[in-house]
């Protein structure tokens, strides 16, 4: 069949992203227009992003640069990303001694445990679900719950960079008080907590009201919530009512690719990296770094030897090469990250396919479009794939860390990519000043695929970015950091907020990244709590 040979023509679809293909009637010339939606459009829900566009022949037959500024609300530092892509990072810890059945102490001679690991989740062979670290020495970590089966020597365990956690023995003695023998509540200065603090964190469970936060910590077994607990609903087991999540900090850093790093001895300097407390102990890799390097300290932007605007991290050992514009990867994929190669996006397109590219295609004079679809896969920052179109270090990308790559392979062996970036507030070149996420296609060679003028078919394209990947949907309950087991999720609304208007933007430009093909399209979406089961902003 003719469409089996459509190589990278799918590239044209990179103008958008929904579920169904937009039809362009052969009798009517398309116009430049785009719509953006998401489903579900409910707070604290996994949500897919969908974009659909039509382009005229004139607009479609130039090299394309596409950028989506995902949904955000507000402006500047006071705003926030309402759609959050996968967050979290981890490091591998290899045990150097066995842990006996029902033991709680994990031994790793090269674990370099520190107070930064307290309350952080850990998973792997022999580690029980929902386990986290409640005490450390440089070579040992004590779990909050015992390992029933024990842990073998030489086991590779995955240690999260977040102290978001779950426990299953919560009790509610009255009012706003919550107790747990294993929850290990913390506040700064409390023995066994280091600088970790649960105060201000969201807390959730069957007996906990929506929007509740932790307002005080008495000791490691007792805390106070902002809202009183409710009764265990009829039909729910006591165990079900005793399961509680403490949300990860909103400042939790992510496994990420950075290409603006200046290495200077043990110092890393980068504007993109925006190093934070949850980067402590994460591995650092790159050709300029060398083996067995990790972050031991962070400092404010501009701290020597870093220049103004560069954030600083200190490693355990000096880099092998000093210099600017080094490519560095921070962290490893955590337990809830999509697996490399996971299905993460679908692209569909309709266009007049040029027979100069695919022999046997209909003559352009017929003005008859062809339709097709391809699958895009997720790659984590430590496993980016080189593609002919869409390099991770192209100069037209926004100056921000990259947290994932979407790869679209074709039957001709040519692939193109999109890069997902975490954008801070007020980044130069961004229309949205609030923090948000960008999905950028640096180069879509639509002109190679589409019939040129005098053809009037143009291009219709749809992109869908999945809410969750196959591997994430199979991740066992209680594994990894709570609320991170998806590709894309909408933020919850705070208590007392009934609704919030969010905005996304789509830019289609020529491949220099600046010359507009047509005016950027903006889409508003209202998120409400309680939500309504419908397709508003999600059709």
Protein backbone atom coordinates (compact mmCIF):
# COMPACT_ATOMS: atom_id res chain seq x y z
CA UNK A 1 0.00 0.00 0.00
CA UNK A 2 1.26 3.41 -0.94
CA UNK A 3 1.10 4.98 2.51
CA UNK A 4 3.51 2.41 3.95
CA UNK A 5 6.39 4.31 2.38
CA UNK A 6 5.63 7.65 3.92
CA UNK A 7 9.00 8.12 5.58
CA UNK A 8 9.40 11.30 7.46
CA UNK A 9 6.47 13.04 5.84
CA UNK A 10 4.86 12.66 9.16
CA UNK A 11 7.09 15.50 9.98
CA UNK A 12 4.36 17.76 8.77
CA UNK A 13 2.19 16.61 11.58
CA UNK A 14 4.52 18.24 13.98
CA UNK A 15 2.33 21.26 13.68
CA UNK A 16 -0.13 19.94 16.22
CA UNK A 17 -1.15 17.12 18.51
CA UNK A 18 -4.65 15.60 19.03
CA UNK A 19 -6.36 12.25 18.84
CA UNK A 20 -8.23 12.44 15.58
CA UNK A 21 -7.04 13.57 12.18
CA UNK A 22 -8.30 16.90 10.94
CA UNK A 23 -9.96 16.56 7.56
CA UNK A 24 -9.18 19.09 4.86
CA UNK A 25 -11.86 18.94 2.17
CA UNK A 26 -10.34 18.63 -1.28
CA UNK A 27 -12.75 21.25 -2.53
CA UNK A 28 -11.76 23.91 0.00
CA UNK A 29 -8.34 25.41 0.57
CA UNK A 30 -7.27 25.30 4.26
CA UNK A 31 -6.48 28.34 6.35
CA UNK A 32 -3.79 28.83 8.98
CA UNK A 33 -5.53 27.90 12.22
CA UNK A 34 -4.83 25.85 15.35
CA UNK A 35 -6.71 24.65 18.41
CA UNK A 36 -5.29 23.32 21.67
CA UNK A 37 -7.04 21.20 24.26
CA UNK A 38 -6.39 18.78 27.09
CA UNK A 39 -8.20 15.80 28.53
CA UNK A 40 -8.99 15.30 31.32
CA UNK A 41 -9.31 18.99 32.24
CA UNK A 42 -9.61 18.25 35.96
CA UNK A 43 -7.32 19.36 38.79
CA UNK A 44 -4.79 16.80 40.06
CA UNK A 45 -5.56 14.55 37.08
CA UNK A 46 -3.43 12.85 34.48
CA UNK A 47 -4.13 14.76 31.28
CA UNK A 48 -3.16 14.42 27.63
CA UNK A 49 -2.40 17.47 25.51
CA UNK A 50 -3.86 17.72 22.02
CA UNK A 51 -3.24 20.23 19.23
CA UNK A 52 -4.80 20.36 15.77
CA UNK A 53 -3.74 22.66 12.95
CA UNK A 54 -4.35 23.38 9.29
CA UNK A 55 -1.84 25.26 7.15
CA UNK A 56 -2.09 26.69 3.68
CA UNK A 57 0.20 25.33 0.98
CA UNK A 58 2.31 28.50 1.14
CA UNK A 59 2.80 28.20 4.90
CA UNK A 60 3.34 24.43 4.83
CA UNK A 61 6.04 24.41 2.17
CA UNK A 62 8.72 26.14 4.22
CA UNK A 63 10.88 24.48 6.85
CA UNK A 64 8.99 24.60 10.12
CA UNK A 65 9.92 25.29 13.72
CA UNK A 66 7.08 24.52 16.15
CA UNK A 67 6.92 25.34 19.85
CA UNK A 68 4.09 24.70 22.29
CA UNK A 69 4.07 26.64 25.55
CA UNK A 70 1.99 24.30 27.70
CA UNK A 71 -0.77 25.52 30.00
CA UNK A 72 0.23 27.96 32.74
CA UNK A 73 -1.53 30.58 34.85
CA UNK A 74 -0.54 33.96 36.22
CA UNK A 75 2.56 35.97 35.39
CA UNK A 76 6.18 35.94 36.45
CA UNK A 77 7.31 34.26 39.65
CA UNK A 78 3.77 34.56 41.07
CA UNK A 79 2.40 32.33 38.29
CA UNK A 80 2.79 28.60 37.95
CA UNK A 81 2.83 25.74 35.47
CA UNK A 82 -0.67 24.28 35.57
CA UNK A 83 0.37 21.32 33.39
CA UNK A 84 3.41 19.56 34.86
CA UNK A 85 5.46 17.02 32.93
CA UNK A 86 7.27 14.17 34.67
CA UNK A 87 9.20 15.33 37.73
CA UNK A 88 11.84 13.49 39.69
CA UNK A 89 15.29 11.99 39.54
CA UNK A 90 17.19 9.22 41.27
CA UNK A 91 20.53 7.56 41.76
CA UNK A 92 21.55 3.91 41.83
CA UNK A 93 22.87 2.54 45.11
CA UNK A 94 24.56 -0.88 45.07
CA UNK A 95 24.50 -2.84 48.31
CA UNK A 96 27.81 -4.16 49.65
CA UNK A 97 26.32 -6.46 52.30
CA UNK A 98 23.12 -8.42 52.64
CA UNK A 99 20.15 -7.33 54.72
CA UNK A 100 18.57 -10.24 56.60
CA UNK A 101 14.84 -10.96 56.26
CA UNK A 102 12.82 -8.48 58.32
CA UNK A 103 15.87 -6.25 58.60
CA UNK A 104 15.75 -2.50 58.05
CA UNK A 105 19.39 -1.51 57.48
CA UNK A 106 20.72 -1.27 53.92
CA UNK A 107 24.50 -1.27 53.56
CA UNK A 108 26.28 0.32 50.59
CA UNK A 109 29.98 1.13 50.94
CA UNK A 110 29.77 3.61 48.04
CA UNK A 111 26.25 4.85 48.87
CA UNK A 112 27.45 8.29 50.10
CA UNK A 113 24.24 8.67 52.09
CA UNK A 114 23.63 12.06 53.70
CA UNK A 115 20.88 14.04 55.38
CA UNK A 116 19.64 14.95 51.89
CA UNK A 117 18.41 11.34 51.61
CA UNK A 118 16.22 11.40 54.72
CA UNK A 119 12.57 10.52 53.99
CA UNK A 120 13.46 9.84 50.33
CA UNK A 121 11.88 6.78 48.74
CA UNK A 122 13.91 3.73 47.77
CA UNK A 123 12.96 0.75 45.59
CA UNK A 124 14.49 -2.37 44.12
CA UNK A 125 14.90 -6.12 44.80
CA UNK A 126 13.81 -6.93 48.33
CA UNK A 127 12.67 -3.39 49.15
CA UNK A 128 9.03 -3.30 50.29
CA UNK A 129 6.48 -1.00 48.65
CA UNK A 130 6.34 2.53 50.08
CA UNK A 131 9.72 2.20 51.82
CA UNK A 132 11.80 5.29 52.49
CA UNK A 133 14.92 6.16 54.47
CA UNK A 134 14.49 7.40 58.05
CA UNK A 135 18.12 7.36 59.27
CA UNK A 136 21.56 7.32 57.67
CA UNK A 137 25.29 6.95 58.11
CA UNK A 138 27.64 7.51 55.16
CA UNK A 139 27.44 3.78 54.30
CA UNK A 140 24.06 2.67 55.70
CA UNK A 141 20.42 3.65 55.34
CA UNK A 142 17.66 2.58 57.73
CA UNK A 143 14.23 1.93 56.24
CA UNK A 144 10.99 3.05 57.87
CA UNK A 145 9.56 -0.47 57.40
CA UNK A 146 11.34 -3.85 57.36
CA UNK A 147 12.32 -5.81 54.29
CA UNK A 148 10.33 -9.04 54.66
CA UNK A 149 12.44 -10.99 52.17
CA UNK A 150 15.73 -9.26 52.89
CA UNK A 151 18.07 -7.60 50.40
CA UNK A 152 20.99 -9.38 48.72
CA UNK A 153 24.51 -8.05 48.55
CA UNK A 154 25.17 -6.52 45.15
CA UNK A 155 21.55 -5.46 44.64
CA UNK A 156 21.00 -2.26 42.63
CA UNK A 157 18.52 -0.02 44.41
CA UNK A 158 17.00 3.20 43.14
CA UNK A 159 17.04 6.09 45.60
CA UNK A 160 14.64 8.95 44.85
CA UNK A 161 15.63 12.60 45.14
CA UNK A 162 12.29 13.47 46.78
CA UNK A 163 10.86 13.05 50.27
CA UNK A 164 7.29 12.75 48.99
CA UNK A 165 6.17 9.46 50.49
CA UNK A 166 3.30 7.12 51.41
CA UNK A 167 2.58 5.22 54.62
CA UNK A 168 -0.23 2.83 55.50
CA UNK A 169 -0.61 3.12 59.29
CA UNK A 170 -2.10 6.59 59.71
CA UNK A 171 -4.45 7.17 62.63
CA UNK A 172 -6.64 10.18 63.39
CA UNK A 173 -7.17 10.48 67.15
CA UNK A 174 -9.32 13.59 66.75
CA UNK A 175 -9.64 16.96 65.05
CA UNK A 176 -6.64 17.88 62.95
CA UNK A 177 -4.15 15.46 64.54
CA UNK A 178 -2.60 12.65 62.51
CA UNK A 179 -0.27 9.98 63.89
CA UNK A 180 1.84 7.27 62.28
CA UNK A 181 4.53 4.95 63.62
CA UNK A 182 6.22 4.78 60.19
CA UNK A 183 5.45 8.17 58.55
CA UNK A 184 8.51 9.89 60.11
CA UNK A 185 7.13 13.43 60.16
CA UNK A 186 9.81 16.09 60.02
CA UNK A 187 10.52 19.73 60.62
CA UNK A 188 13.77 21.61 60.48
CA UNK A 189 15.81 21.02 63.63
CA UNK A 190 13.91 17.93 64.76
CA UNK A 191 16.30 15.11 65.64
CA UNK A 192 16.70 12.71 62.73
CA UNK A 193 15.36 15.19 60.16
CA UNK A 194 18.30 17.36 59.21
CA UNK A 195 16.83 20.24 57.22
CA UNK A 196 13.85 18.21 55.95
CA UNK A 197 10.41 19.64 56.74
CA UNK A 198 6.86 18.50 56.02
CA UNK A 199 5.30 21.77 57.14
CA UNK A 200 3.31 23.31 54.29
CA UNK A 201 3.16 20.05 52.32
CA UNK A 202 -0.11 18.79 50.89
CA UNK A 203 -1.35 15.61 52.51
CA UNK A 204 -3.95 13.27 51.04
CA UNK A 205 -5.93 10.17 51.92
CA UNK A 206 -9.46 8.84 52.23
CA UNK A 207 -9.97 10.53 55.62
CA UNK A 208 -8.25 13.77 54.64
CA UNK A 209 -10.13 16.74 53.21
CA UNK A 210 -9.19 18.14 49.81
CA UNK A 211 -6.46 20.76 50.04
CA UNK A 212 -5.25 19.86 53.53
CA UNK A 213 -1.65 20.66 54.39
CA UNK A 214 0.63 19.86 57.32
CA UNK A 215 0.75 22.90 59.58
CA UNK A 216 2.84 21.59 62.48
CA UNK A 217 5.00 18.64 63.46
CA UNK A 218 5.12 17.60 67.13
CA UNK A 219 7.54 14.69 66.69
CA UNK A 220 8.31 12.02 64.11
CA UNK A 221 5.03 10.21 64.85
CA UNK A 222 2.61 13.14 65.26
CA UNK A 223 1.62 16.07 63.03
CA UNK A 224 -1.17 18.61 62.66
CA UNK A 225 -3.23 19.17 59.51
CA UNK A 226 -4.89 22.38 58.32
CA UNK A 227 -8.29 20.65 58.08
CA UNK A 228 -9.91 18.15 60.42
CA UNK A 229 -10.05 14.50 59.38
CA UNK A 230 -13.35 13.01 58.26
CA UNK A 231 -14.84 9.65 59.22
CA UNK A 232 -13.82 6.54 57.31
CA UNK A 233 -16.55 6.11 54.65
CA UNK A 234 -18.86 3.13 54.85
CA UNK A 235 -17.57 0.15 52.91
CA UNK A 236 -13.90 1.24 53.03
CA UNK A 237 -11.60 -1.04 55.00
CA UNK A 238 -9.69 0.38 57.97
CA UNK A 239 -6.48 -0.28 56.05
CA UNK A 240 -7.76 1.74 53.11
CA UNK A 241 -8.52 4.66 55.43
CA UNK A 242 -5.01 4.44 56.94
CA UNK A 243 -3.13 5.03 53.67
CA UNK A 244 -1.79 8.59 53.38
CA UNK A 245 0.43 10.46 50.90
CA UNK A 246 2.67 13.41 51.67
CA UNK A 247 3.23 15.26 48.41
CA UNK A 248 6.74 15.96 47.11
CA UNK A 249 8.03 19.51 47.35
CA UNK A 250 7.12 21.74 44.41
CA UNK A 251 10.84 22.49 44.09
CA UNK A 252 11.78 18.86 43.42
CA UNK A 253 14.32 18.79 40.61
CA UNK A 254 14.21 16.50 37.59
CA UNK A 255 16.53 14.23 35.61
CA UNK A 256 17.70 16.69 32.94
CA UNK A 257 20.03 17.45 30.04
CA UNK A 258 21.94 20.75 30.16
CA UNK A 259 24.19 22.14 27.42
CA UNK A 260 25.46 25.43 28.89
CA UNK A 261 27.61 24.11 31.74
CA UNK A 262 30.96 25.66 32.58
CA UNK A 263 33.17 23.16 34.41
CA UNK A 264 35.83 24.59 36.73
CA UNK A 265 37.47 22.00 38.99
CA UNK A 266 34.71 20.69 41.24
CA UNK A 267 32.33 23.51 40.27
CA UNK A 268 29.48 23.32 37.78
CA UNK A 269 28.09 26.68 36.60
CA UNK A 270 24.91 26.84 34.54
CA UNK A 271 21.98 29.18 33.90
CA UNK A 272 19.86 26.29 32.61
CA UNK A 273 20.45 23.91 35.52
CA UNK A 274 18.84 25.98 38.29
CA UNK A 275 20.39 23.70 40.90
CA UNK A 276 18.35 23.10 44.05
CA UNK A 277 18.42 21.17 47.31
CA UNK A 278 16.99 18.02 45.73
CA UNK A 279 20.01 17.79 43.41
CA UNK A 280 22.25 16.84 46.34
CA UNK A 281 23.79 13.38 45.85
CA UNK A 282 22.51 13.06 42.27
CA UNK A 283 25.06 11.72 39.76
CA UNK A 284 26.57 14.03 37.14
CA UNK A 285 27.59 12.59 33.77
CA UNK A 286 29.12 13.97 30.59
CA UNK A 287 32.26 13.71 28.50
CA UNK A 288 33.89 16.53 30.47
CA UNK A 289 33.00 15.08 33.87
CA UNK A 290 34.55 11.64 34.31
CA UNK A 291 33.33 8.66 36.28
CA UNK A 292 31.69 8.53 39.73
CA UNK A 293 30.80 12.18 40.14
CA UNK A 294 27.89 13.52 42.15
CA UNK A 295 26.67 16.80 43.62
CA UNK A 296 27.72 17.51 47.21
CA UNK A 297 26.61 21.13 47.59
CA UNK A 298 24.71 23.89 45.84
CA UNK A 299 25.05 27.66 46.04
CA UNK A 300 23.16 30.75 44.88
CA UNK A 301 23.48 32.03 41.32
CA UNK A 302 26.59 34.12 40.81
CA UNK A 303 28.62 32.41 43.56
CA UNK A 304 32.31 32.23 42.56
CA UNK A 305 33.60 30.93 40.23
CA UNK A 306 30.21 31.17 38.48
CA UNK A 307 29.20 34.30 36.59
CA UNK A 308 26.08 36.34 37.31
CA UNK A 309 23.00 34.35 36.37
CA UNK A 310 24.79 30.99 36.59
CA UNK A 311 23.69 28.59 39.33
CA UNK A 312 26.44 26.68 41.11
CA UNK A 313 26.81 23.06 42.16
CA UNK A 314 29.88 21.46 43.72
CA UNK A 315 30.89 17.88 42.91
CA UNK A 316 32.75 15.32 45.02
CA UNK A 317 35.71 15.42 42.60
CA UNK A 318 37.05 17.68 39.86
CA UNK A 319 35.85 17.38 36.27
CA UNK A 320 38.30 15.85 33.82
CA UNK A 321 37.96 18.85 31.47
CA UNK A 322 37.44 22.51 32.31
CA UNK A 323 35.59 24.77 29.89
CA UNK A 324 32.33 26.39 28.82
CA UNK A 325 29.26 25.00 27.01
CA UNK A 326 29.72 21.45 28.24
CA UNK A 327 26.83 18.97 27.93
CA UNK A 328 25.95 17.44 31.28
CA UNK A 329 23.16 15.17 32.52
CA UNK A 330 21.96 15.45 36.11
CA UNK A 331 20.54 12.36 37.82
CA UNK A 332 19.04 9.13 36.53
CA UNK A 333 15.42 8.23 35.73
CA UNK A 334 13.52 7.62 38.94
CA UNK A 335 11.20 4.69 39.61
CA UNK A 336 8.14 6.40 38.09
CA UNK A 337 9.81 7.82 34.97
CA UNK A 338 8.64 6.63 31.54
CA UNK A 339 10.89 3.87 30.20
CA UNK A 340 13.07 4.69 27.23
CA UNK A 341 11.14 3.83 24.09
CA UNK A 342 7.73 4.09 25.75
CA UNK A 343 4.86 5.22 23.54
CA UNK A 344 4.31 8.86 24.48
CA UNK A 345 2.89 10.70 21.47
CA UNK A 346 0.93 10.15 18.27
CA UNK A 347 1.13 12.32 15.17
CA UNK A 348 -1.36 12.31 12.34
CA UNK A 349 -1.32 14.32 9.12
CA UNK A 350 -3.20 14.92 5.90
CA UNK A 351 -1.38 16.47 2.96
CA UNK A 352 -0.83 16.27 -0.74
CA UNK A 353 2.16 13.95 -0.81
CA UNK A 354 4.73 14.94 -3.42
CA UNK A 355 5.68 12.11 -5.83
CA UNK A 356 9.17 13.63 -6.02
CA UNK A 357 9.65 12.32 -2.49
CA UNK A 358 7.60 9.11 -2.56
CA UNK A 359 7.47 7.43 -5.94
CA UNK A 360 3.99 6.34 -6.91
CA UNK A 361 2.17 9.07 -5.00
CA UNK A 362 -0.71 10.79 -6.73
CA UNK A 363 0.20 13.71 -8.97
CA UNK A 364 0.12 17.02 -7.10
CA UNK A 365 -2.31 18.35 -9.70
CA UNK A 366 -5.03 16.05 -8.33
CA UNK A 367 -5.20 18.08 -5.11
CA UNK A 368 -5.88 14.83 -3.26
CA UNK A 369 -4.56 14.56 0.32
CA UNK A 370 -3.12 11.41 1.86
CA UNK A 371 -3.55 10.57 5.54
CA UNK A 372 -1.18 8.74 7.88
CA UNK A 373 -0.13 8.46 11.52
CA UNK A 374 3.06 7.64 13.42
CA UNK A 375 4.03 6.89 16.99
CA UNK A 376 6.40 8.97 19.08
CA UNK A 377 8.48 7.42 21.88
CA UNK A 378 9.92 8.88 25.07
CA UNK A 379 13.65 9.03 25.78
CA UNK A 380 15.03 10.08 29.14
CA UNK A 381 17.88 12.65 29.22
CA UNK A 382 20.57 10.00 29.78
CA UNK A 383 19.43 8.17 26.61
CA UNK A 384 18.76 10.84 24.00
CA UNK A 385 18.92 9.59 20.40
CA UNK A 386 20.57 11.55 17.60
CA UNK A 387 18.04 12.29 14.84
CA UNK A 388 18.47 14.09 11.53
CA UNK A 389 15.89 16.68 12.58
CA UNK A 390 15.62 18.06 16.10
CA UNK A 391 19.00 18.05 17.86
CA UNK A 392 18.95 18.61 21.63
CA UNK A 393 21.62 21.32 21.41
CA UNK A 394 20.19 23.36 18.54
CA UNK A 395 20.56 27.11 19.03
CA UNK A 396 16.84 27.74 18.42
CA UNK A 397 15.73 25.86 21.54
CA UNK A 398 14.76 27.96 24.57
CA UNK A 399 17.64 28.35 27.03
CA UNK A 400 16.36 25.83 29.56
CA UNK A 401 17.02 22.28 30.75
CA UNK A 402 15.59 19.43 28.66
CA UNK A 403 13.70 16.74 30.60
CA UNK A 404 12.70 14.43 27.76
CA UNK A 405 12.94 13.71 24.04
CA UNK A 406 10.07 12.55 21.83
CA UNK A 407 11.39 10.53 18.89
CA UNK A 408 9.34 9.88 15.74
CA UNK A 409 10.98 7.18 13.60
CA UNK A 410 9.97 6.46 10.01
CA UNK A 411 10.22 3.50 7.66
CA UNK A 412 12.94 5.27 5.69
CA UNK A 413 15.26 5.25 8.69
CA UNK A 414 15.03 9.02 9.13
CA UNK A 415 13.68 10.34 12.41
CA UNK A 416 12.76 13.67 13.89
CA UNK A 417 12.48 14.82 17.48
CA UNK A 418 10.70 17.10 19.87
CA UNK A 419 12.30 18.24 23.11
CA UNK A 420 10.41 18.81 26.36
CA UNK A 421 11.81 21.62 28.49
CA UNK A 422 11.10 22.93 31.97
CA UNK A 423 10.82 26.71 31.56
CA UNK A 424 11.40 29.03 34.56
CA UNK A 425 9.53 32.28 35.05
CA UNK A 426 10.44 35.28 32.92
CA UNK A 427 12.74 33.38 30.55
CA UNK A 428 13.82 35.56 27.63
CA UNK A 429 12.05 34.64 24.38
CA UNK A 430 9.00 33.09 26.05
CA UNK A 431 5.57 34.69 25.72
CA UNK A 432 4.27 33.07 28.92
CA UNK A 433 6.13 34.68 31.81
CA UNK A 434 4.86 32.16 34.39
CA UNK A 435 6.76 28.88 34.79
CA UNK A 436 5.62 26.32 32.22
CA UNK A 437 6.81 23.49 29.95
CA UNK A 438 7.69 23.78 26.26
CA UNK A 439 7.47 21.07 23.62
CA UNK A 440 9.63 22.20 20.70
CA UNK A 441 10.18 20.71 17.25
CA UNK A 442 13.33 22.52 16.07
CA UNK A 443 12.89 21.43 12.45
CA UNK A 444 9.94 19.95 10.58
CA UNK A 445 10.91 19.61 6.90
CA UNK A 446 7.34 19.88 5.72
CA UNK A 447 8.48 21.38 2.44
CA UNK A 448 10.07 18.07 1.42
CA UNK A 449 6.79 16.22 1.82
CA UNK A 450 3.98 18.52 0.73
CA UNK A 451 2.99 19.30 -2.83
CA UNK A 452 4.00 22.90 -3.57
CA UNK A 453 1.88 25.55 -5.26
CA UNK A 454 -0.14 25.55 -7.42
CA UNK A 455 -1.44 22.72 -5.23
CA UNK A 456 -4.01 24.05 -2.77
CA UNK A 457 -4.28 21.00 -0.51
CA UNK A 458 -2.15 22.44 2.30
CA UNK A 459 -1.60 20.42 5.47
CA UNK A 460 -3.75 19.29 8.38
CA UNK A 461 -2.03 17.79 11.38
CA UNK A 462 -2.81 16.53 14.85
CA UNK A 463 -0.51 15.79 17.78
CA UNK A 464 -1.39 13.97 20.95
CA UNK A 465 0.92 13.89 23.95
CA UNK A 466 -0.06 11.03 26.24
CA UNK A 467 -0.91 11.53 29.89
CA UNK A 468 0.81 8.28 30.88
CA UNK A 469 3.17 5.78 29.26
CA UNK A 470 2.81 1.97 29.12
CA UNK A 471 5.56 1.31 31.65
CA UNK A 472 4.16 3.87 34.07
CA UNK A 473 0.72 2.29 33.90
CA UNK A 474 2.31 -1.00 35.02
CA UNK A 475 4.40 0.44 37.86
CA UNK A 476 3.39 -1.38 41.07
CA UNK A 477 1.47 0.66 43.61
CA UNK A 478 3.73 2.16 46.26
CA UNK A 479 6.78 2.40 44.00
CA UNK A 480 8.66 5.69 43.80
CA UNK A 481 7.60 9.22 44.67
CA UNK A 482 3.82 9.70 44.99
CA UNK A 483 2.05 11.74 42.29
CA UNK A 484 4.87 11.38 39.74
CA UNK A 485 3.77 8.26 37.85
CA UNK A 486 2.67 10.03 34.68
CA UNK A 487 4.04 11.98 31.75
CA UNK A 488 1.72 14.96 32.18
CA UNK A 489 -0.54 15.93 35.08
CA UNK A 490 -2.58 19.00 36.00
CA UNK A 491 -1.89 20.77 39.27
CA UNK A 492 -4.49 20.64 41.99
CA UNK A 493 -6.33 23.81 42.97
CA UNK A 494 -5.62 25.17 46.44
CA UNK A 495 -8.33 25.13 49.09
CA UNK A 496 -10.86 27.90 48.51
CA UNK A 497 -10.14 28.22 44.79
CA UNK A 498 -13.12 27.12 42.72
CA UNK A 499 -11.63 27.60 39.26
CA UNK A 500 -8.61 28.89 37.39
CA UNK A 501 -8.16 30.01 33.80
CA UNK A 502 -5.01 28.62 32.18
CA UNK A 503 -3.46 29.47 28.81
CA UNK A 504 -1.34 27.59 26.27
CA UNK A 505 0.31 28.94 23.13
CA UNK A 506 1.45 27.40 19.85
CA UNK A 507 4.11 29.03 17.67
CA UNK A 508 4.80 28.03 14.07
CA UNK A 509 7.85 29.72 12.64
CA UNK A 510 10.40 29.27 9.92
CA UNK A 511 13.39 27.15 10.88
CA UNK A 512 15.37 30.15 12.14
CA UNK A 513 12.96 30.07 15.08
CA UNK A 514 12.01 33.74 14.78
CA UNK A 515 10.21 34.47 11.50
CA UNK A 516 6.52 33.76 12.08
CA UNK A 517 4.62 31.62 9.59
CA UNK A 518 1.47 32.99 11.18
CA UNK A 519 0.43 34.65 14.42
CA UNK A 520 0.85 32.40 17.49
CA UNK A 521 -2.37 30.72 18.55
CA UNK A 522 -3.43 30.96 22.20
CA UNK A 523 -5.98 28.70 23.92
CA UNK A 524 -7.58 29.23 27.31
CA UNK A 525 -8.85 26.39 29.48
CA UNK A 526 -10.74 26.69 32.77
CA UNK A 527 -9.97 24.12 35.45
CA UNK A 528 -12.55 23.82 38.23
CA UNK A 529 -12.93 21.98 41.53
CA UNK A 530 -15.02 19.94 41.93
CA UNK A 531 -14.67 19.12 38.26
CA UNK A 532 -17.40 18.15 35.84
CA UNK A 533 -17.28 14.91 33.86
CA UNK A 534 -17.43 16.26 30.32
CA UNK A 535 -15.15 17.22 27.43
CA UNK A 536 -14.71 20.91 28.12
CA UNK A 537 -11.31 21.94 26.88
CA UNK A 538 -10.77 18.33 25.93
CA UNK A 539 -12.72 17.63 22.76
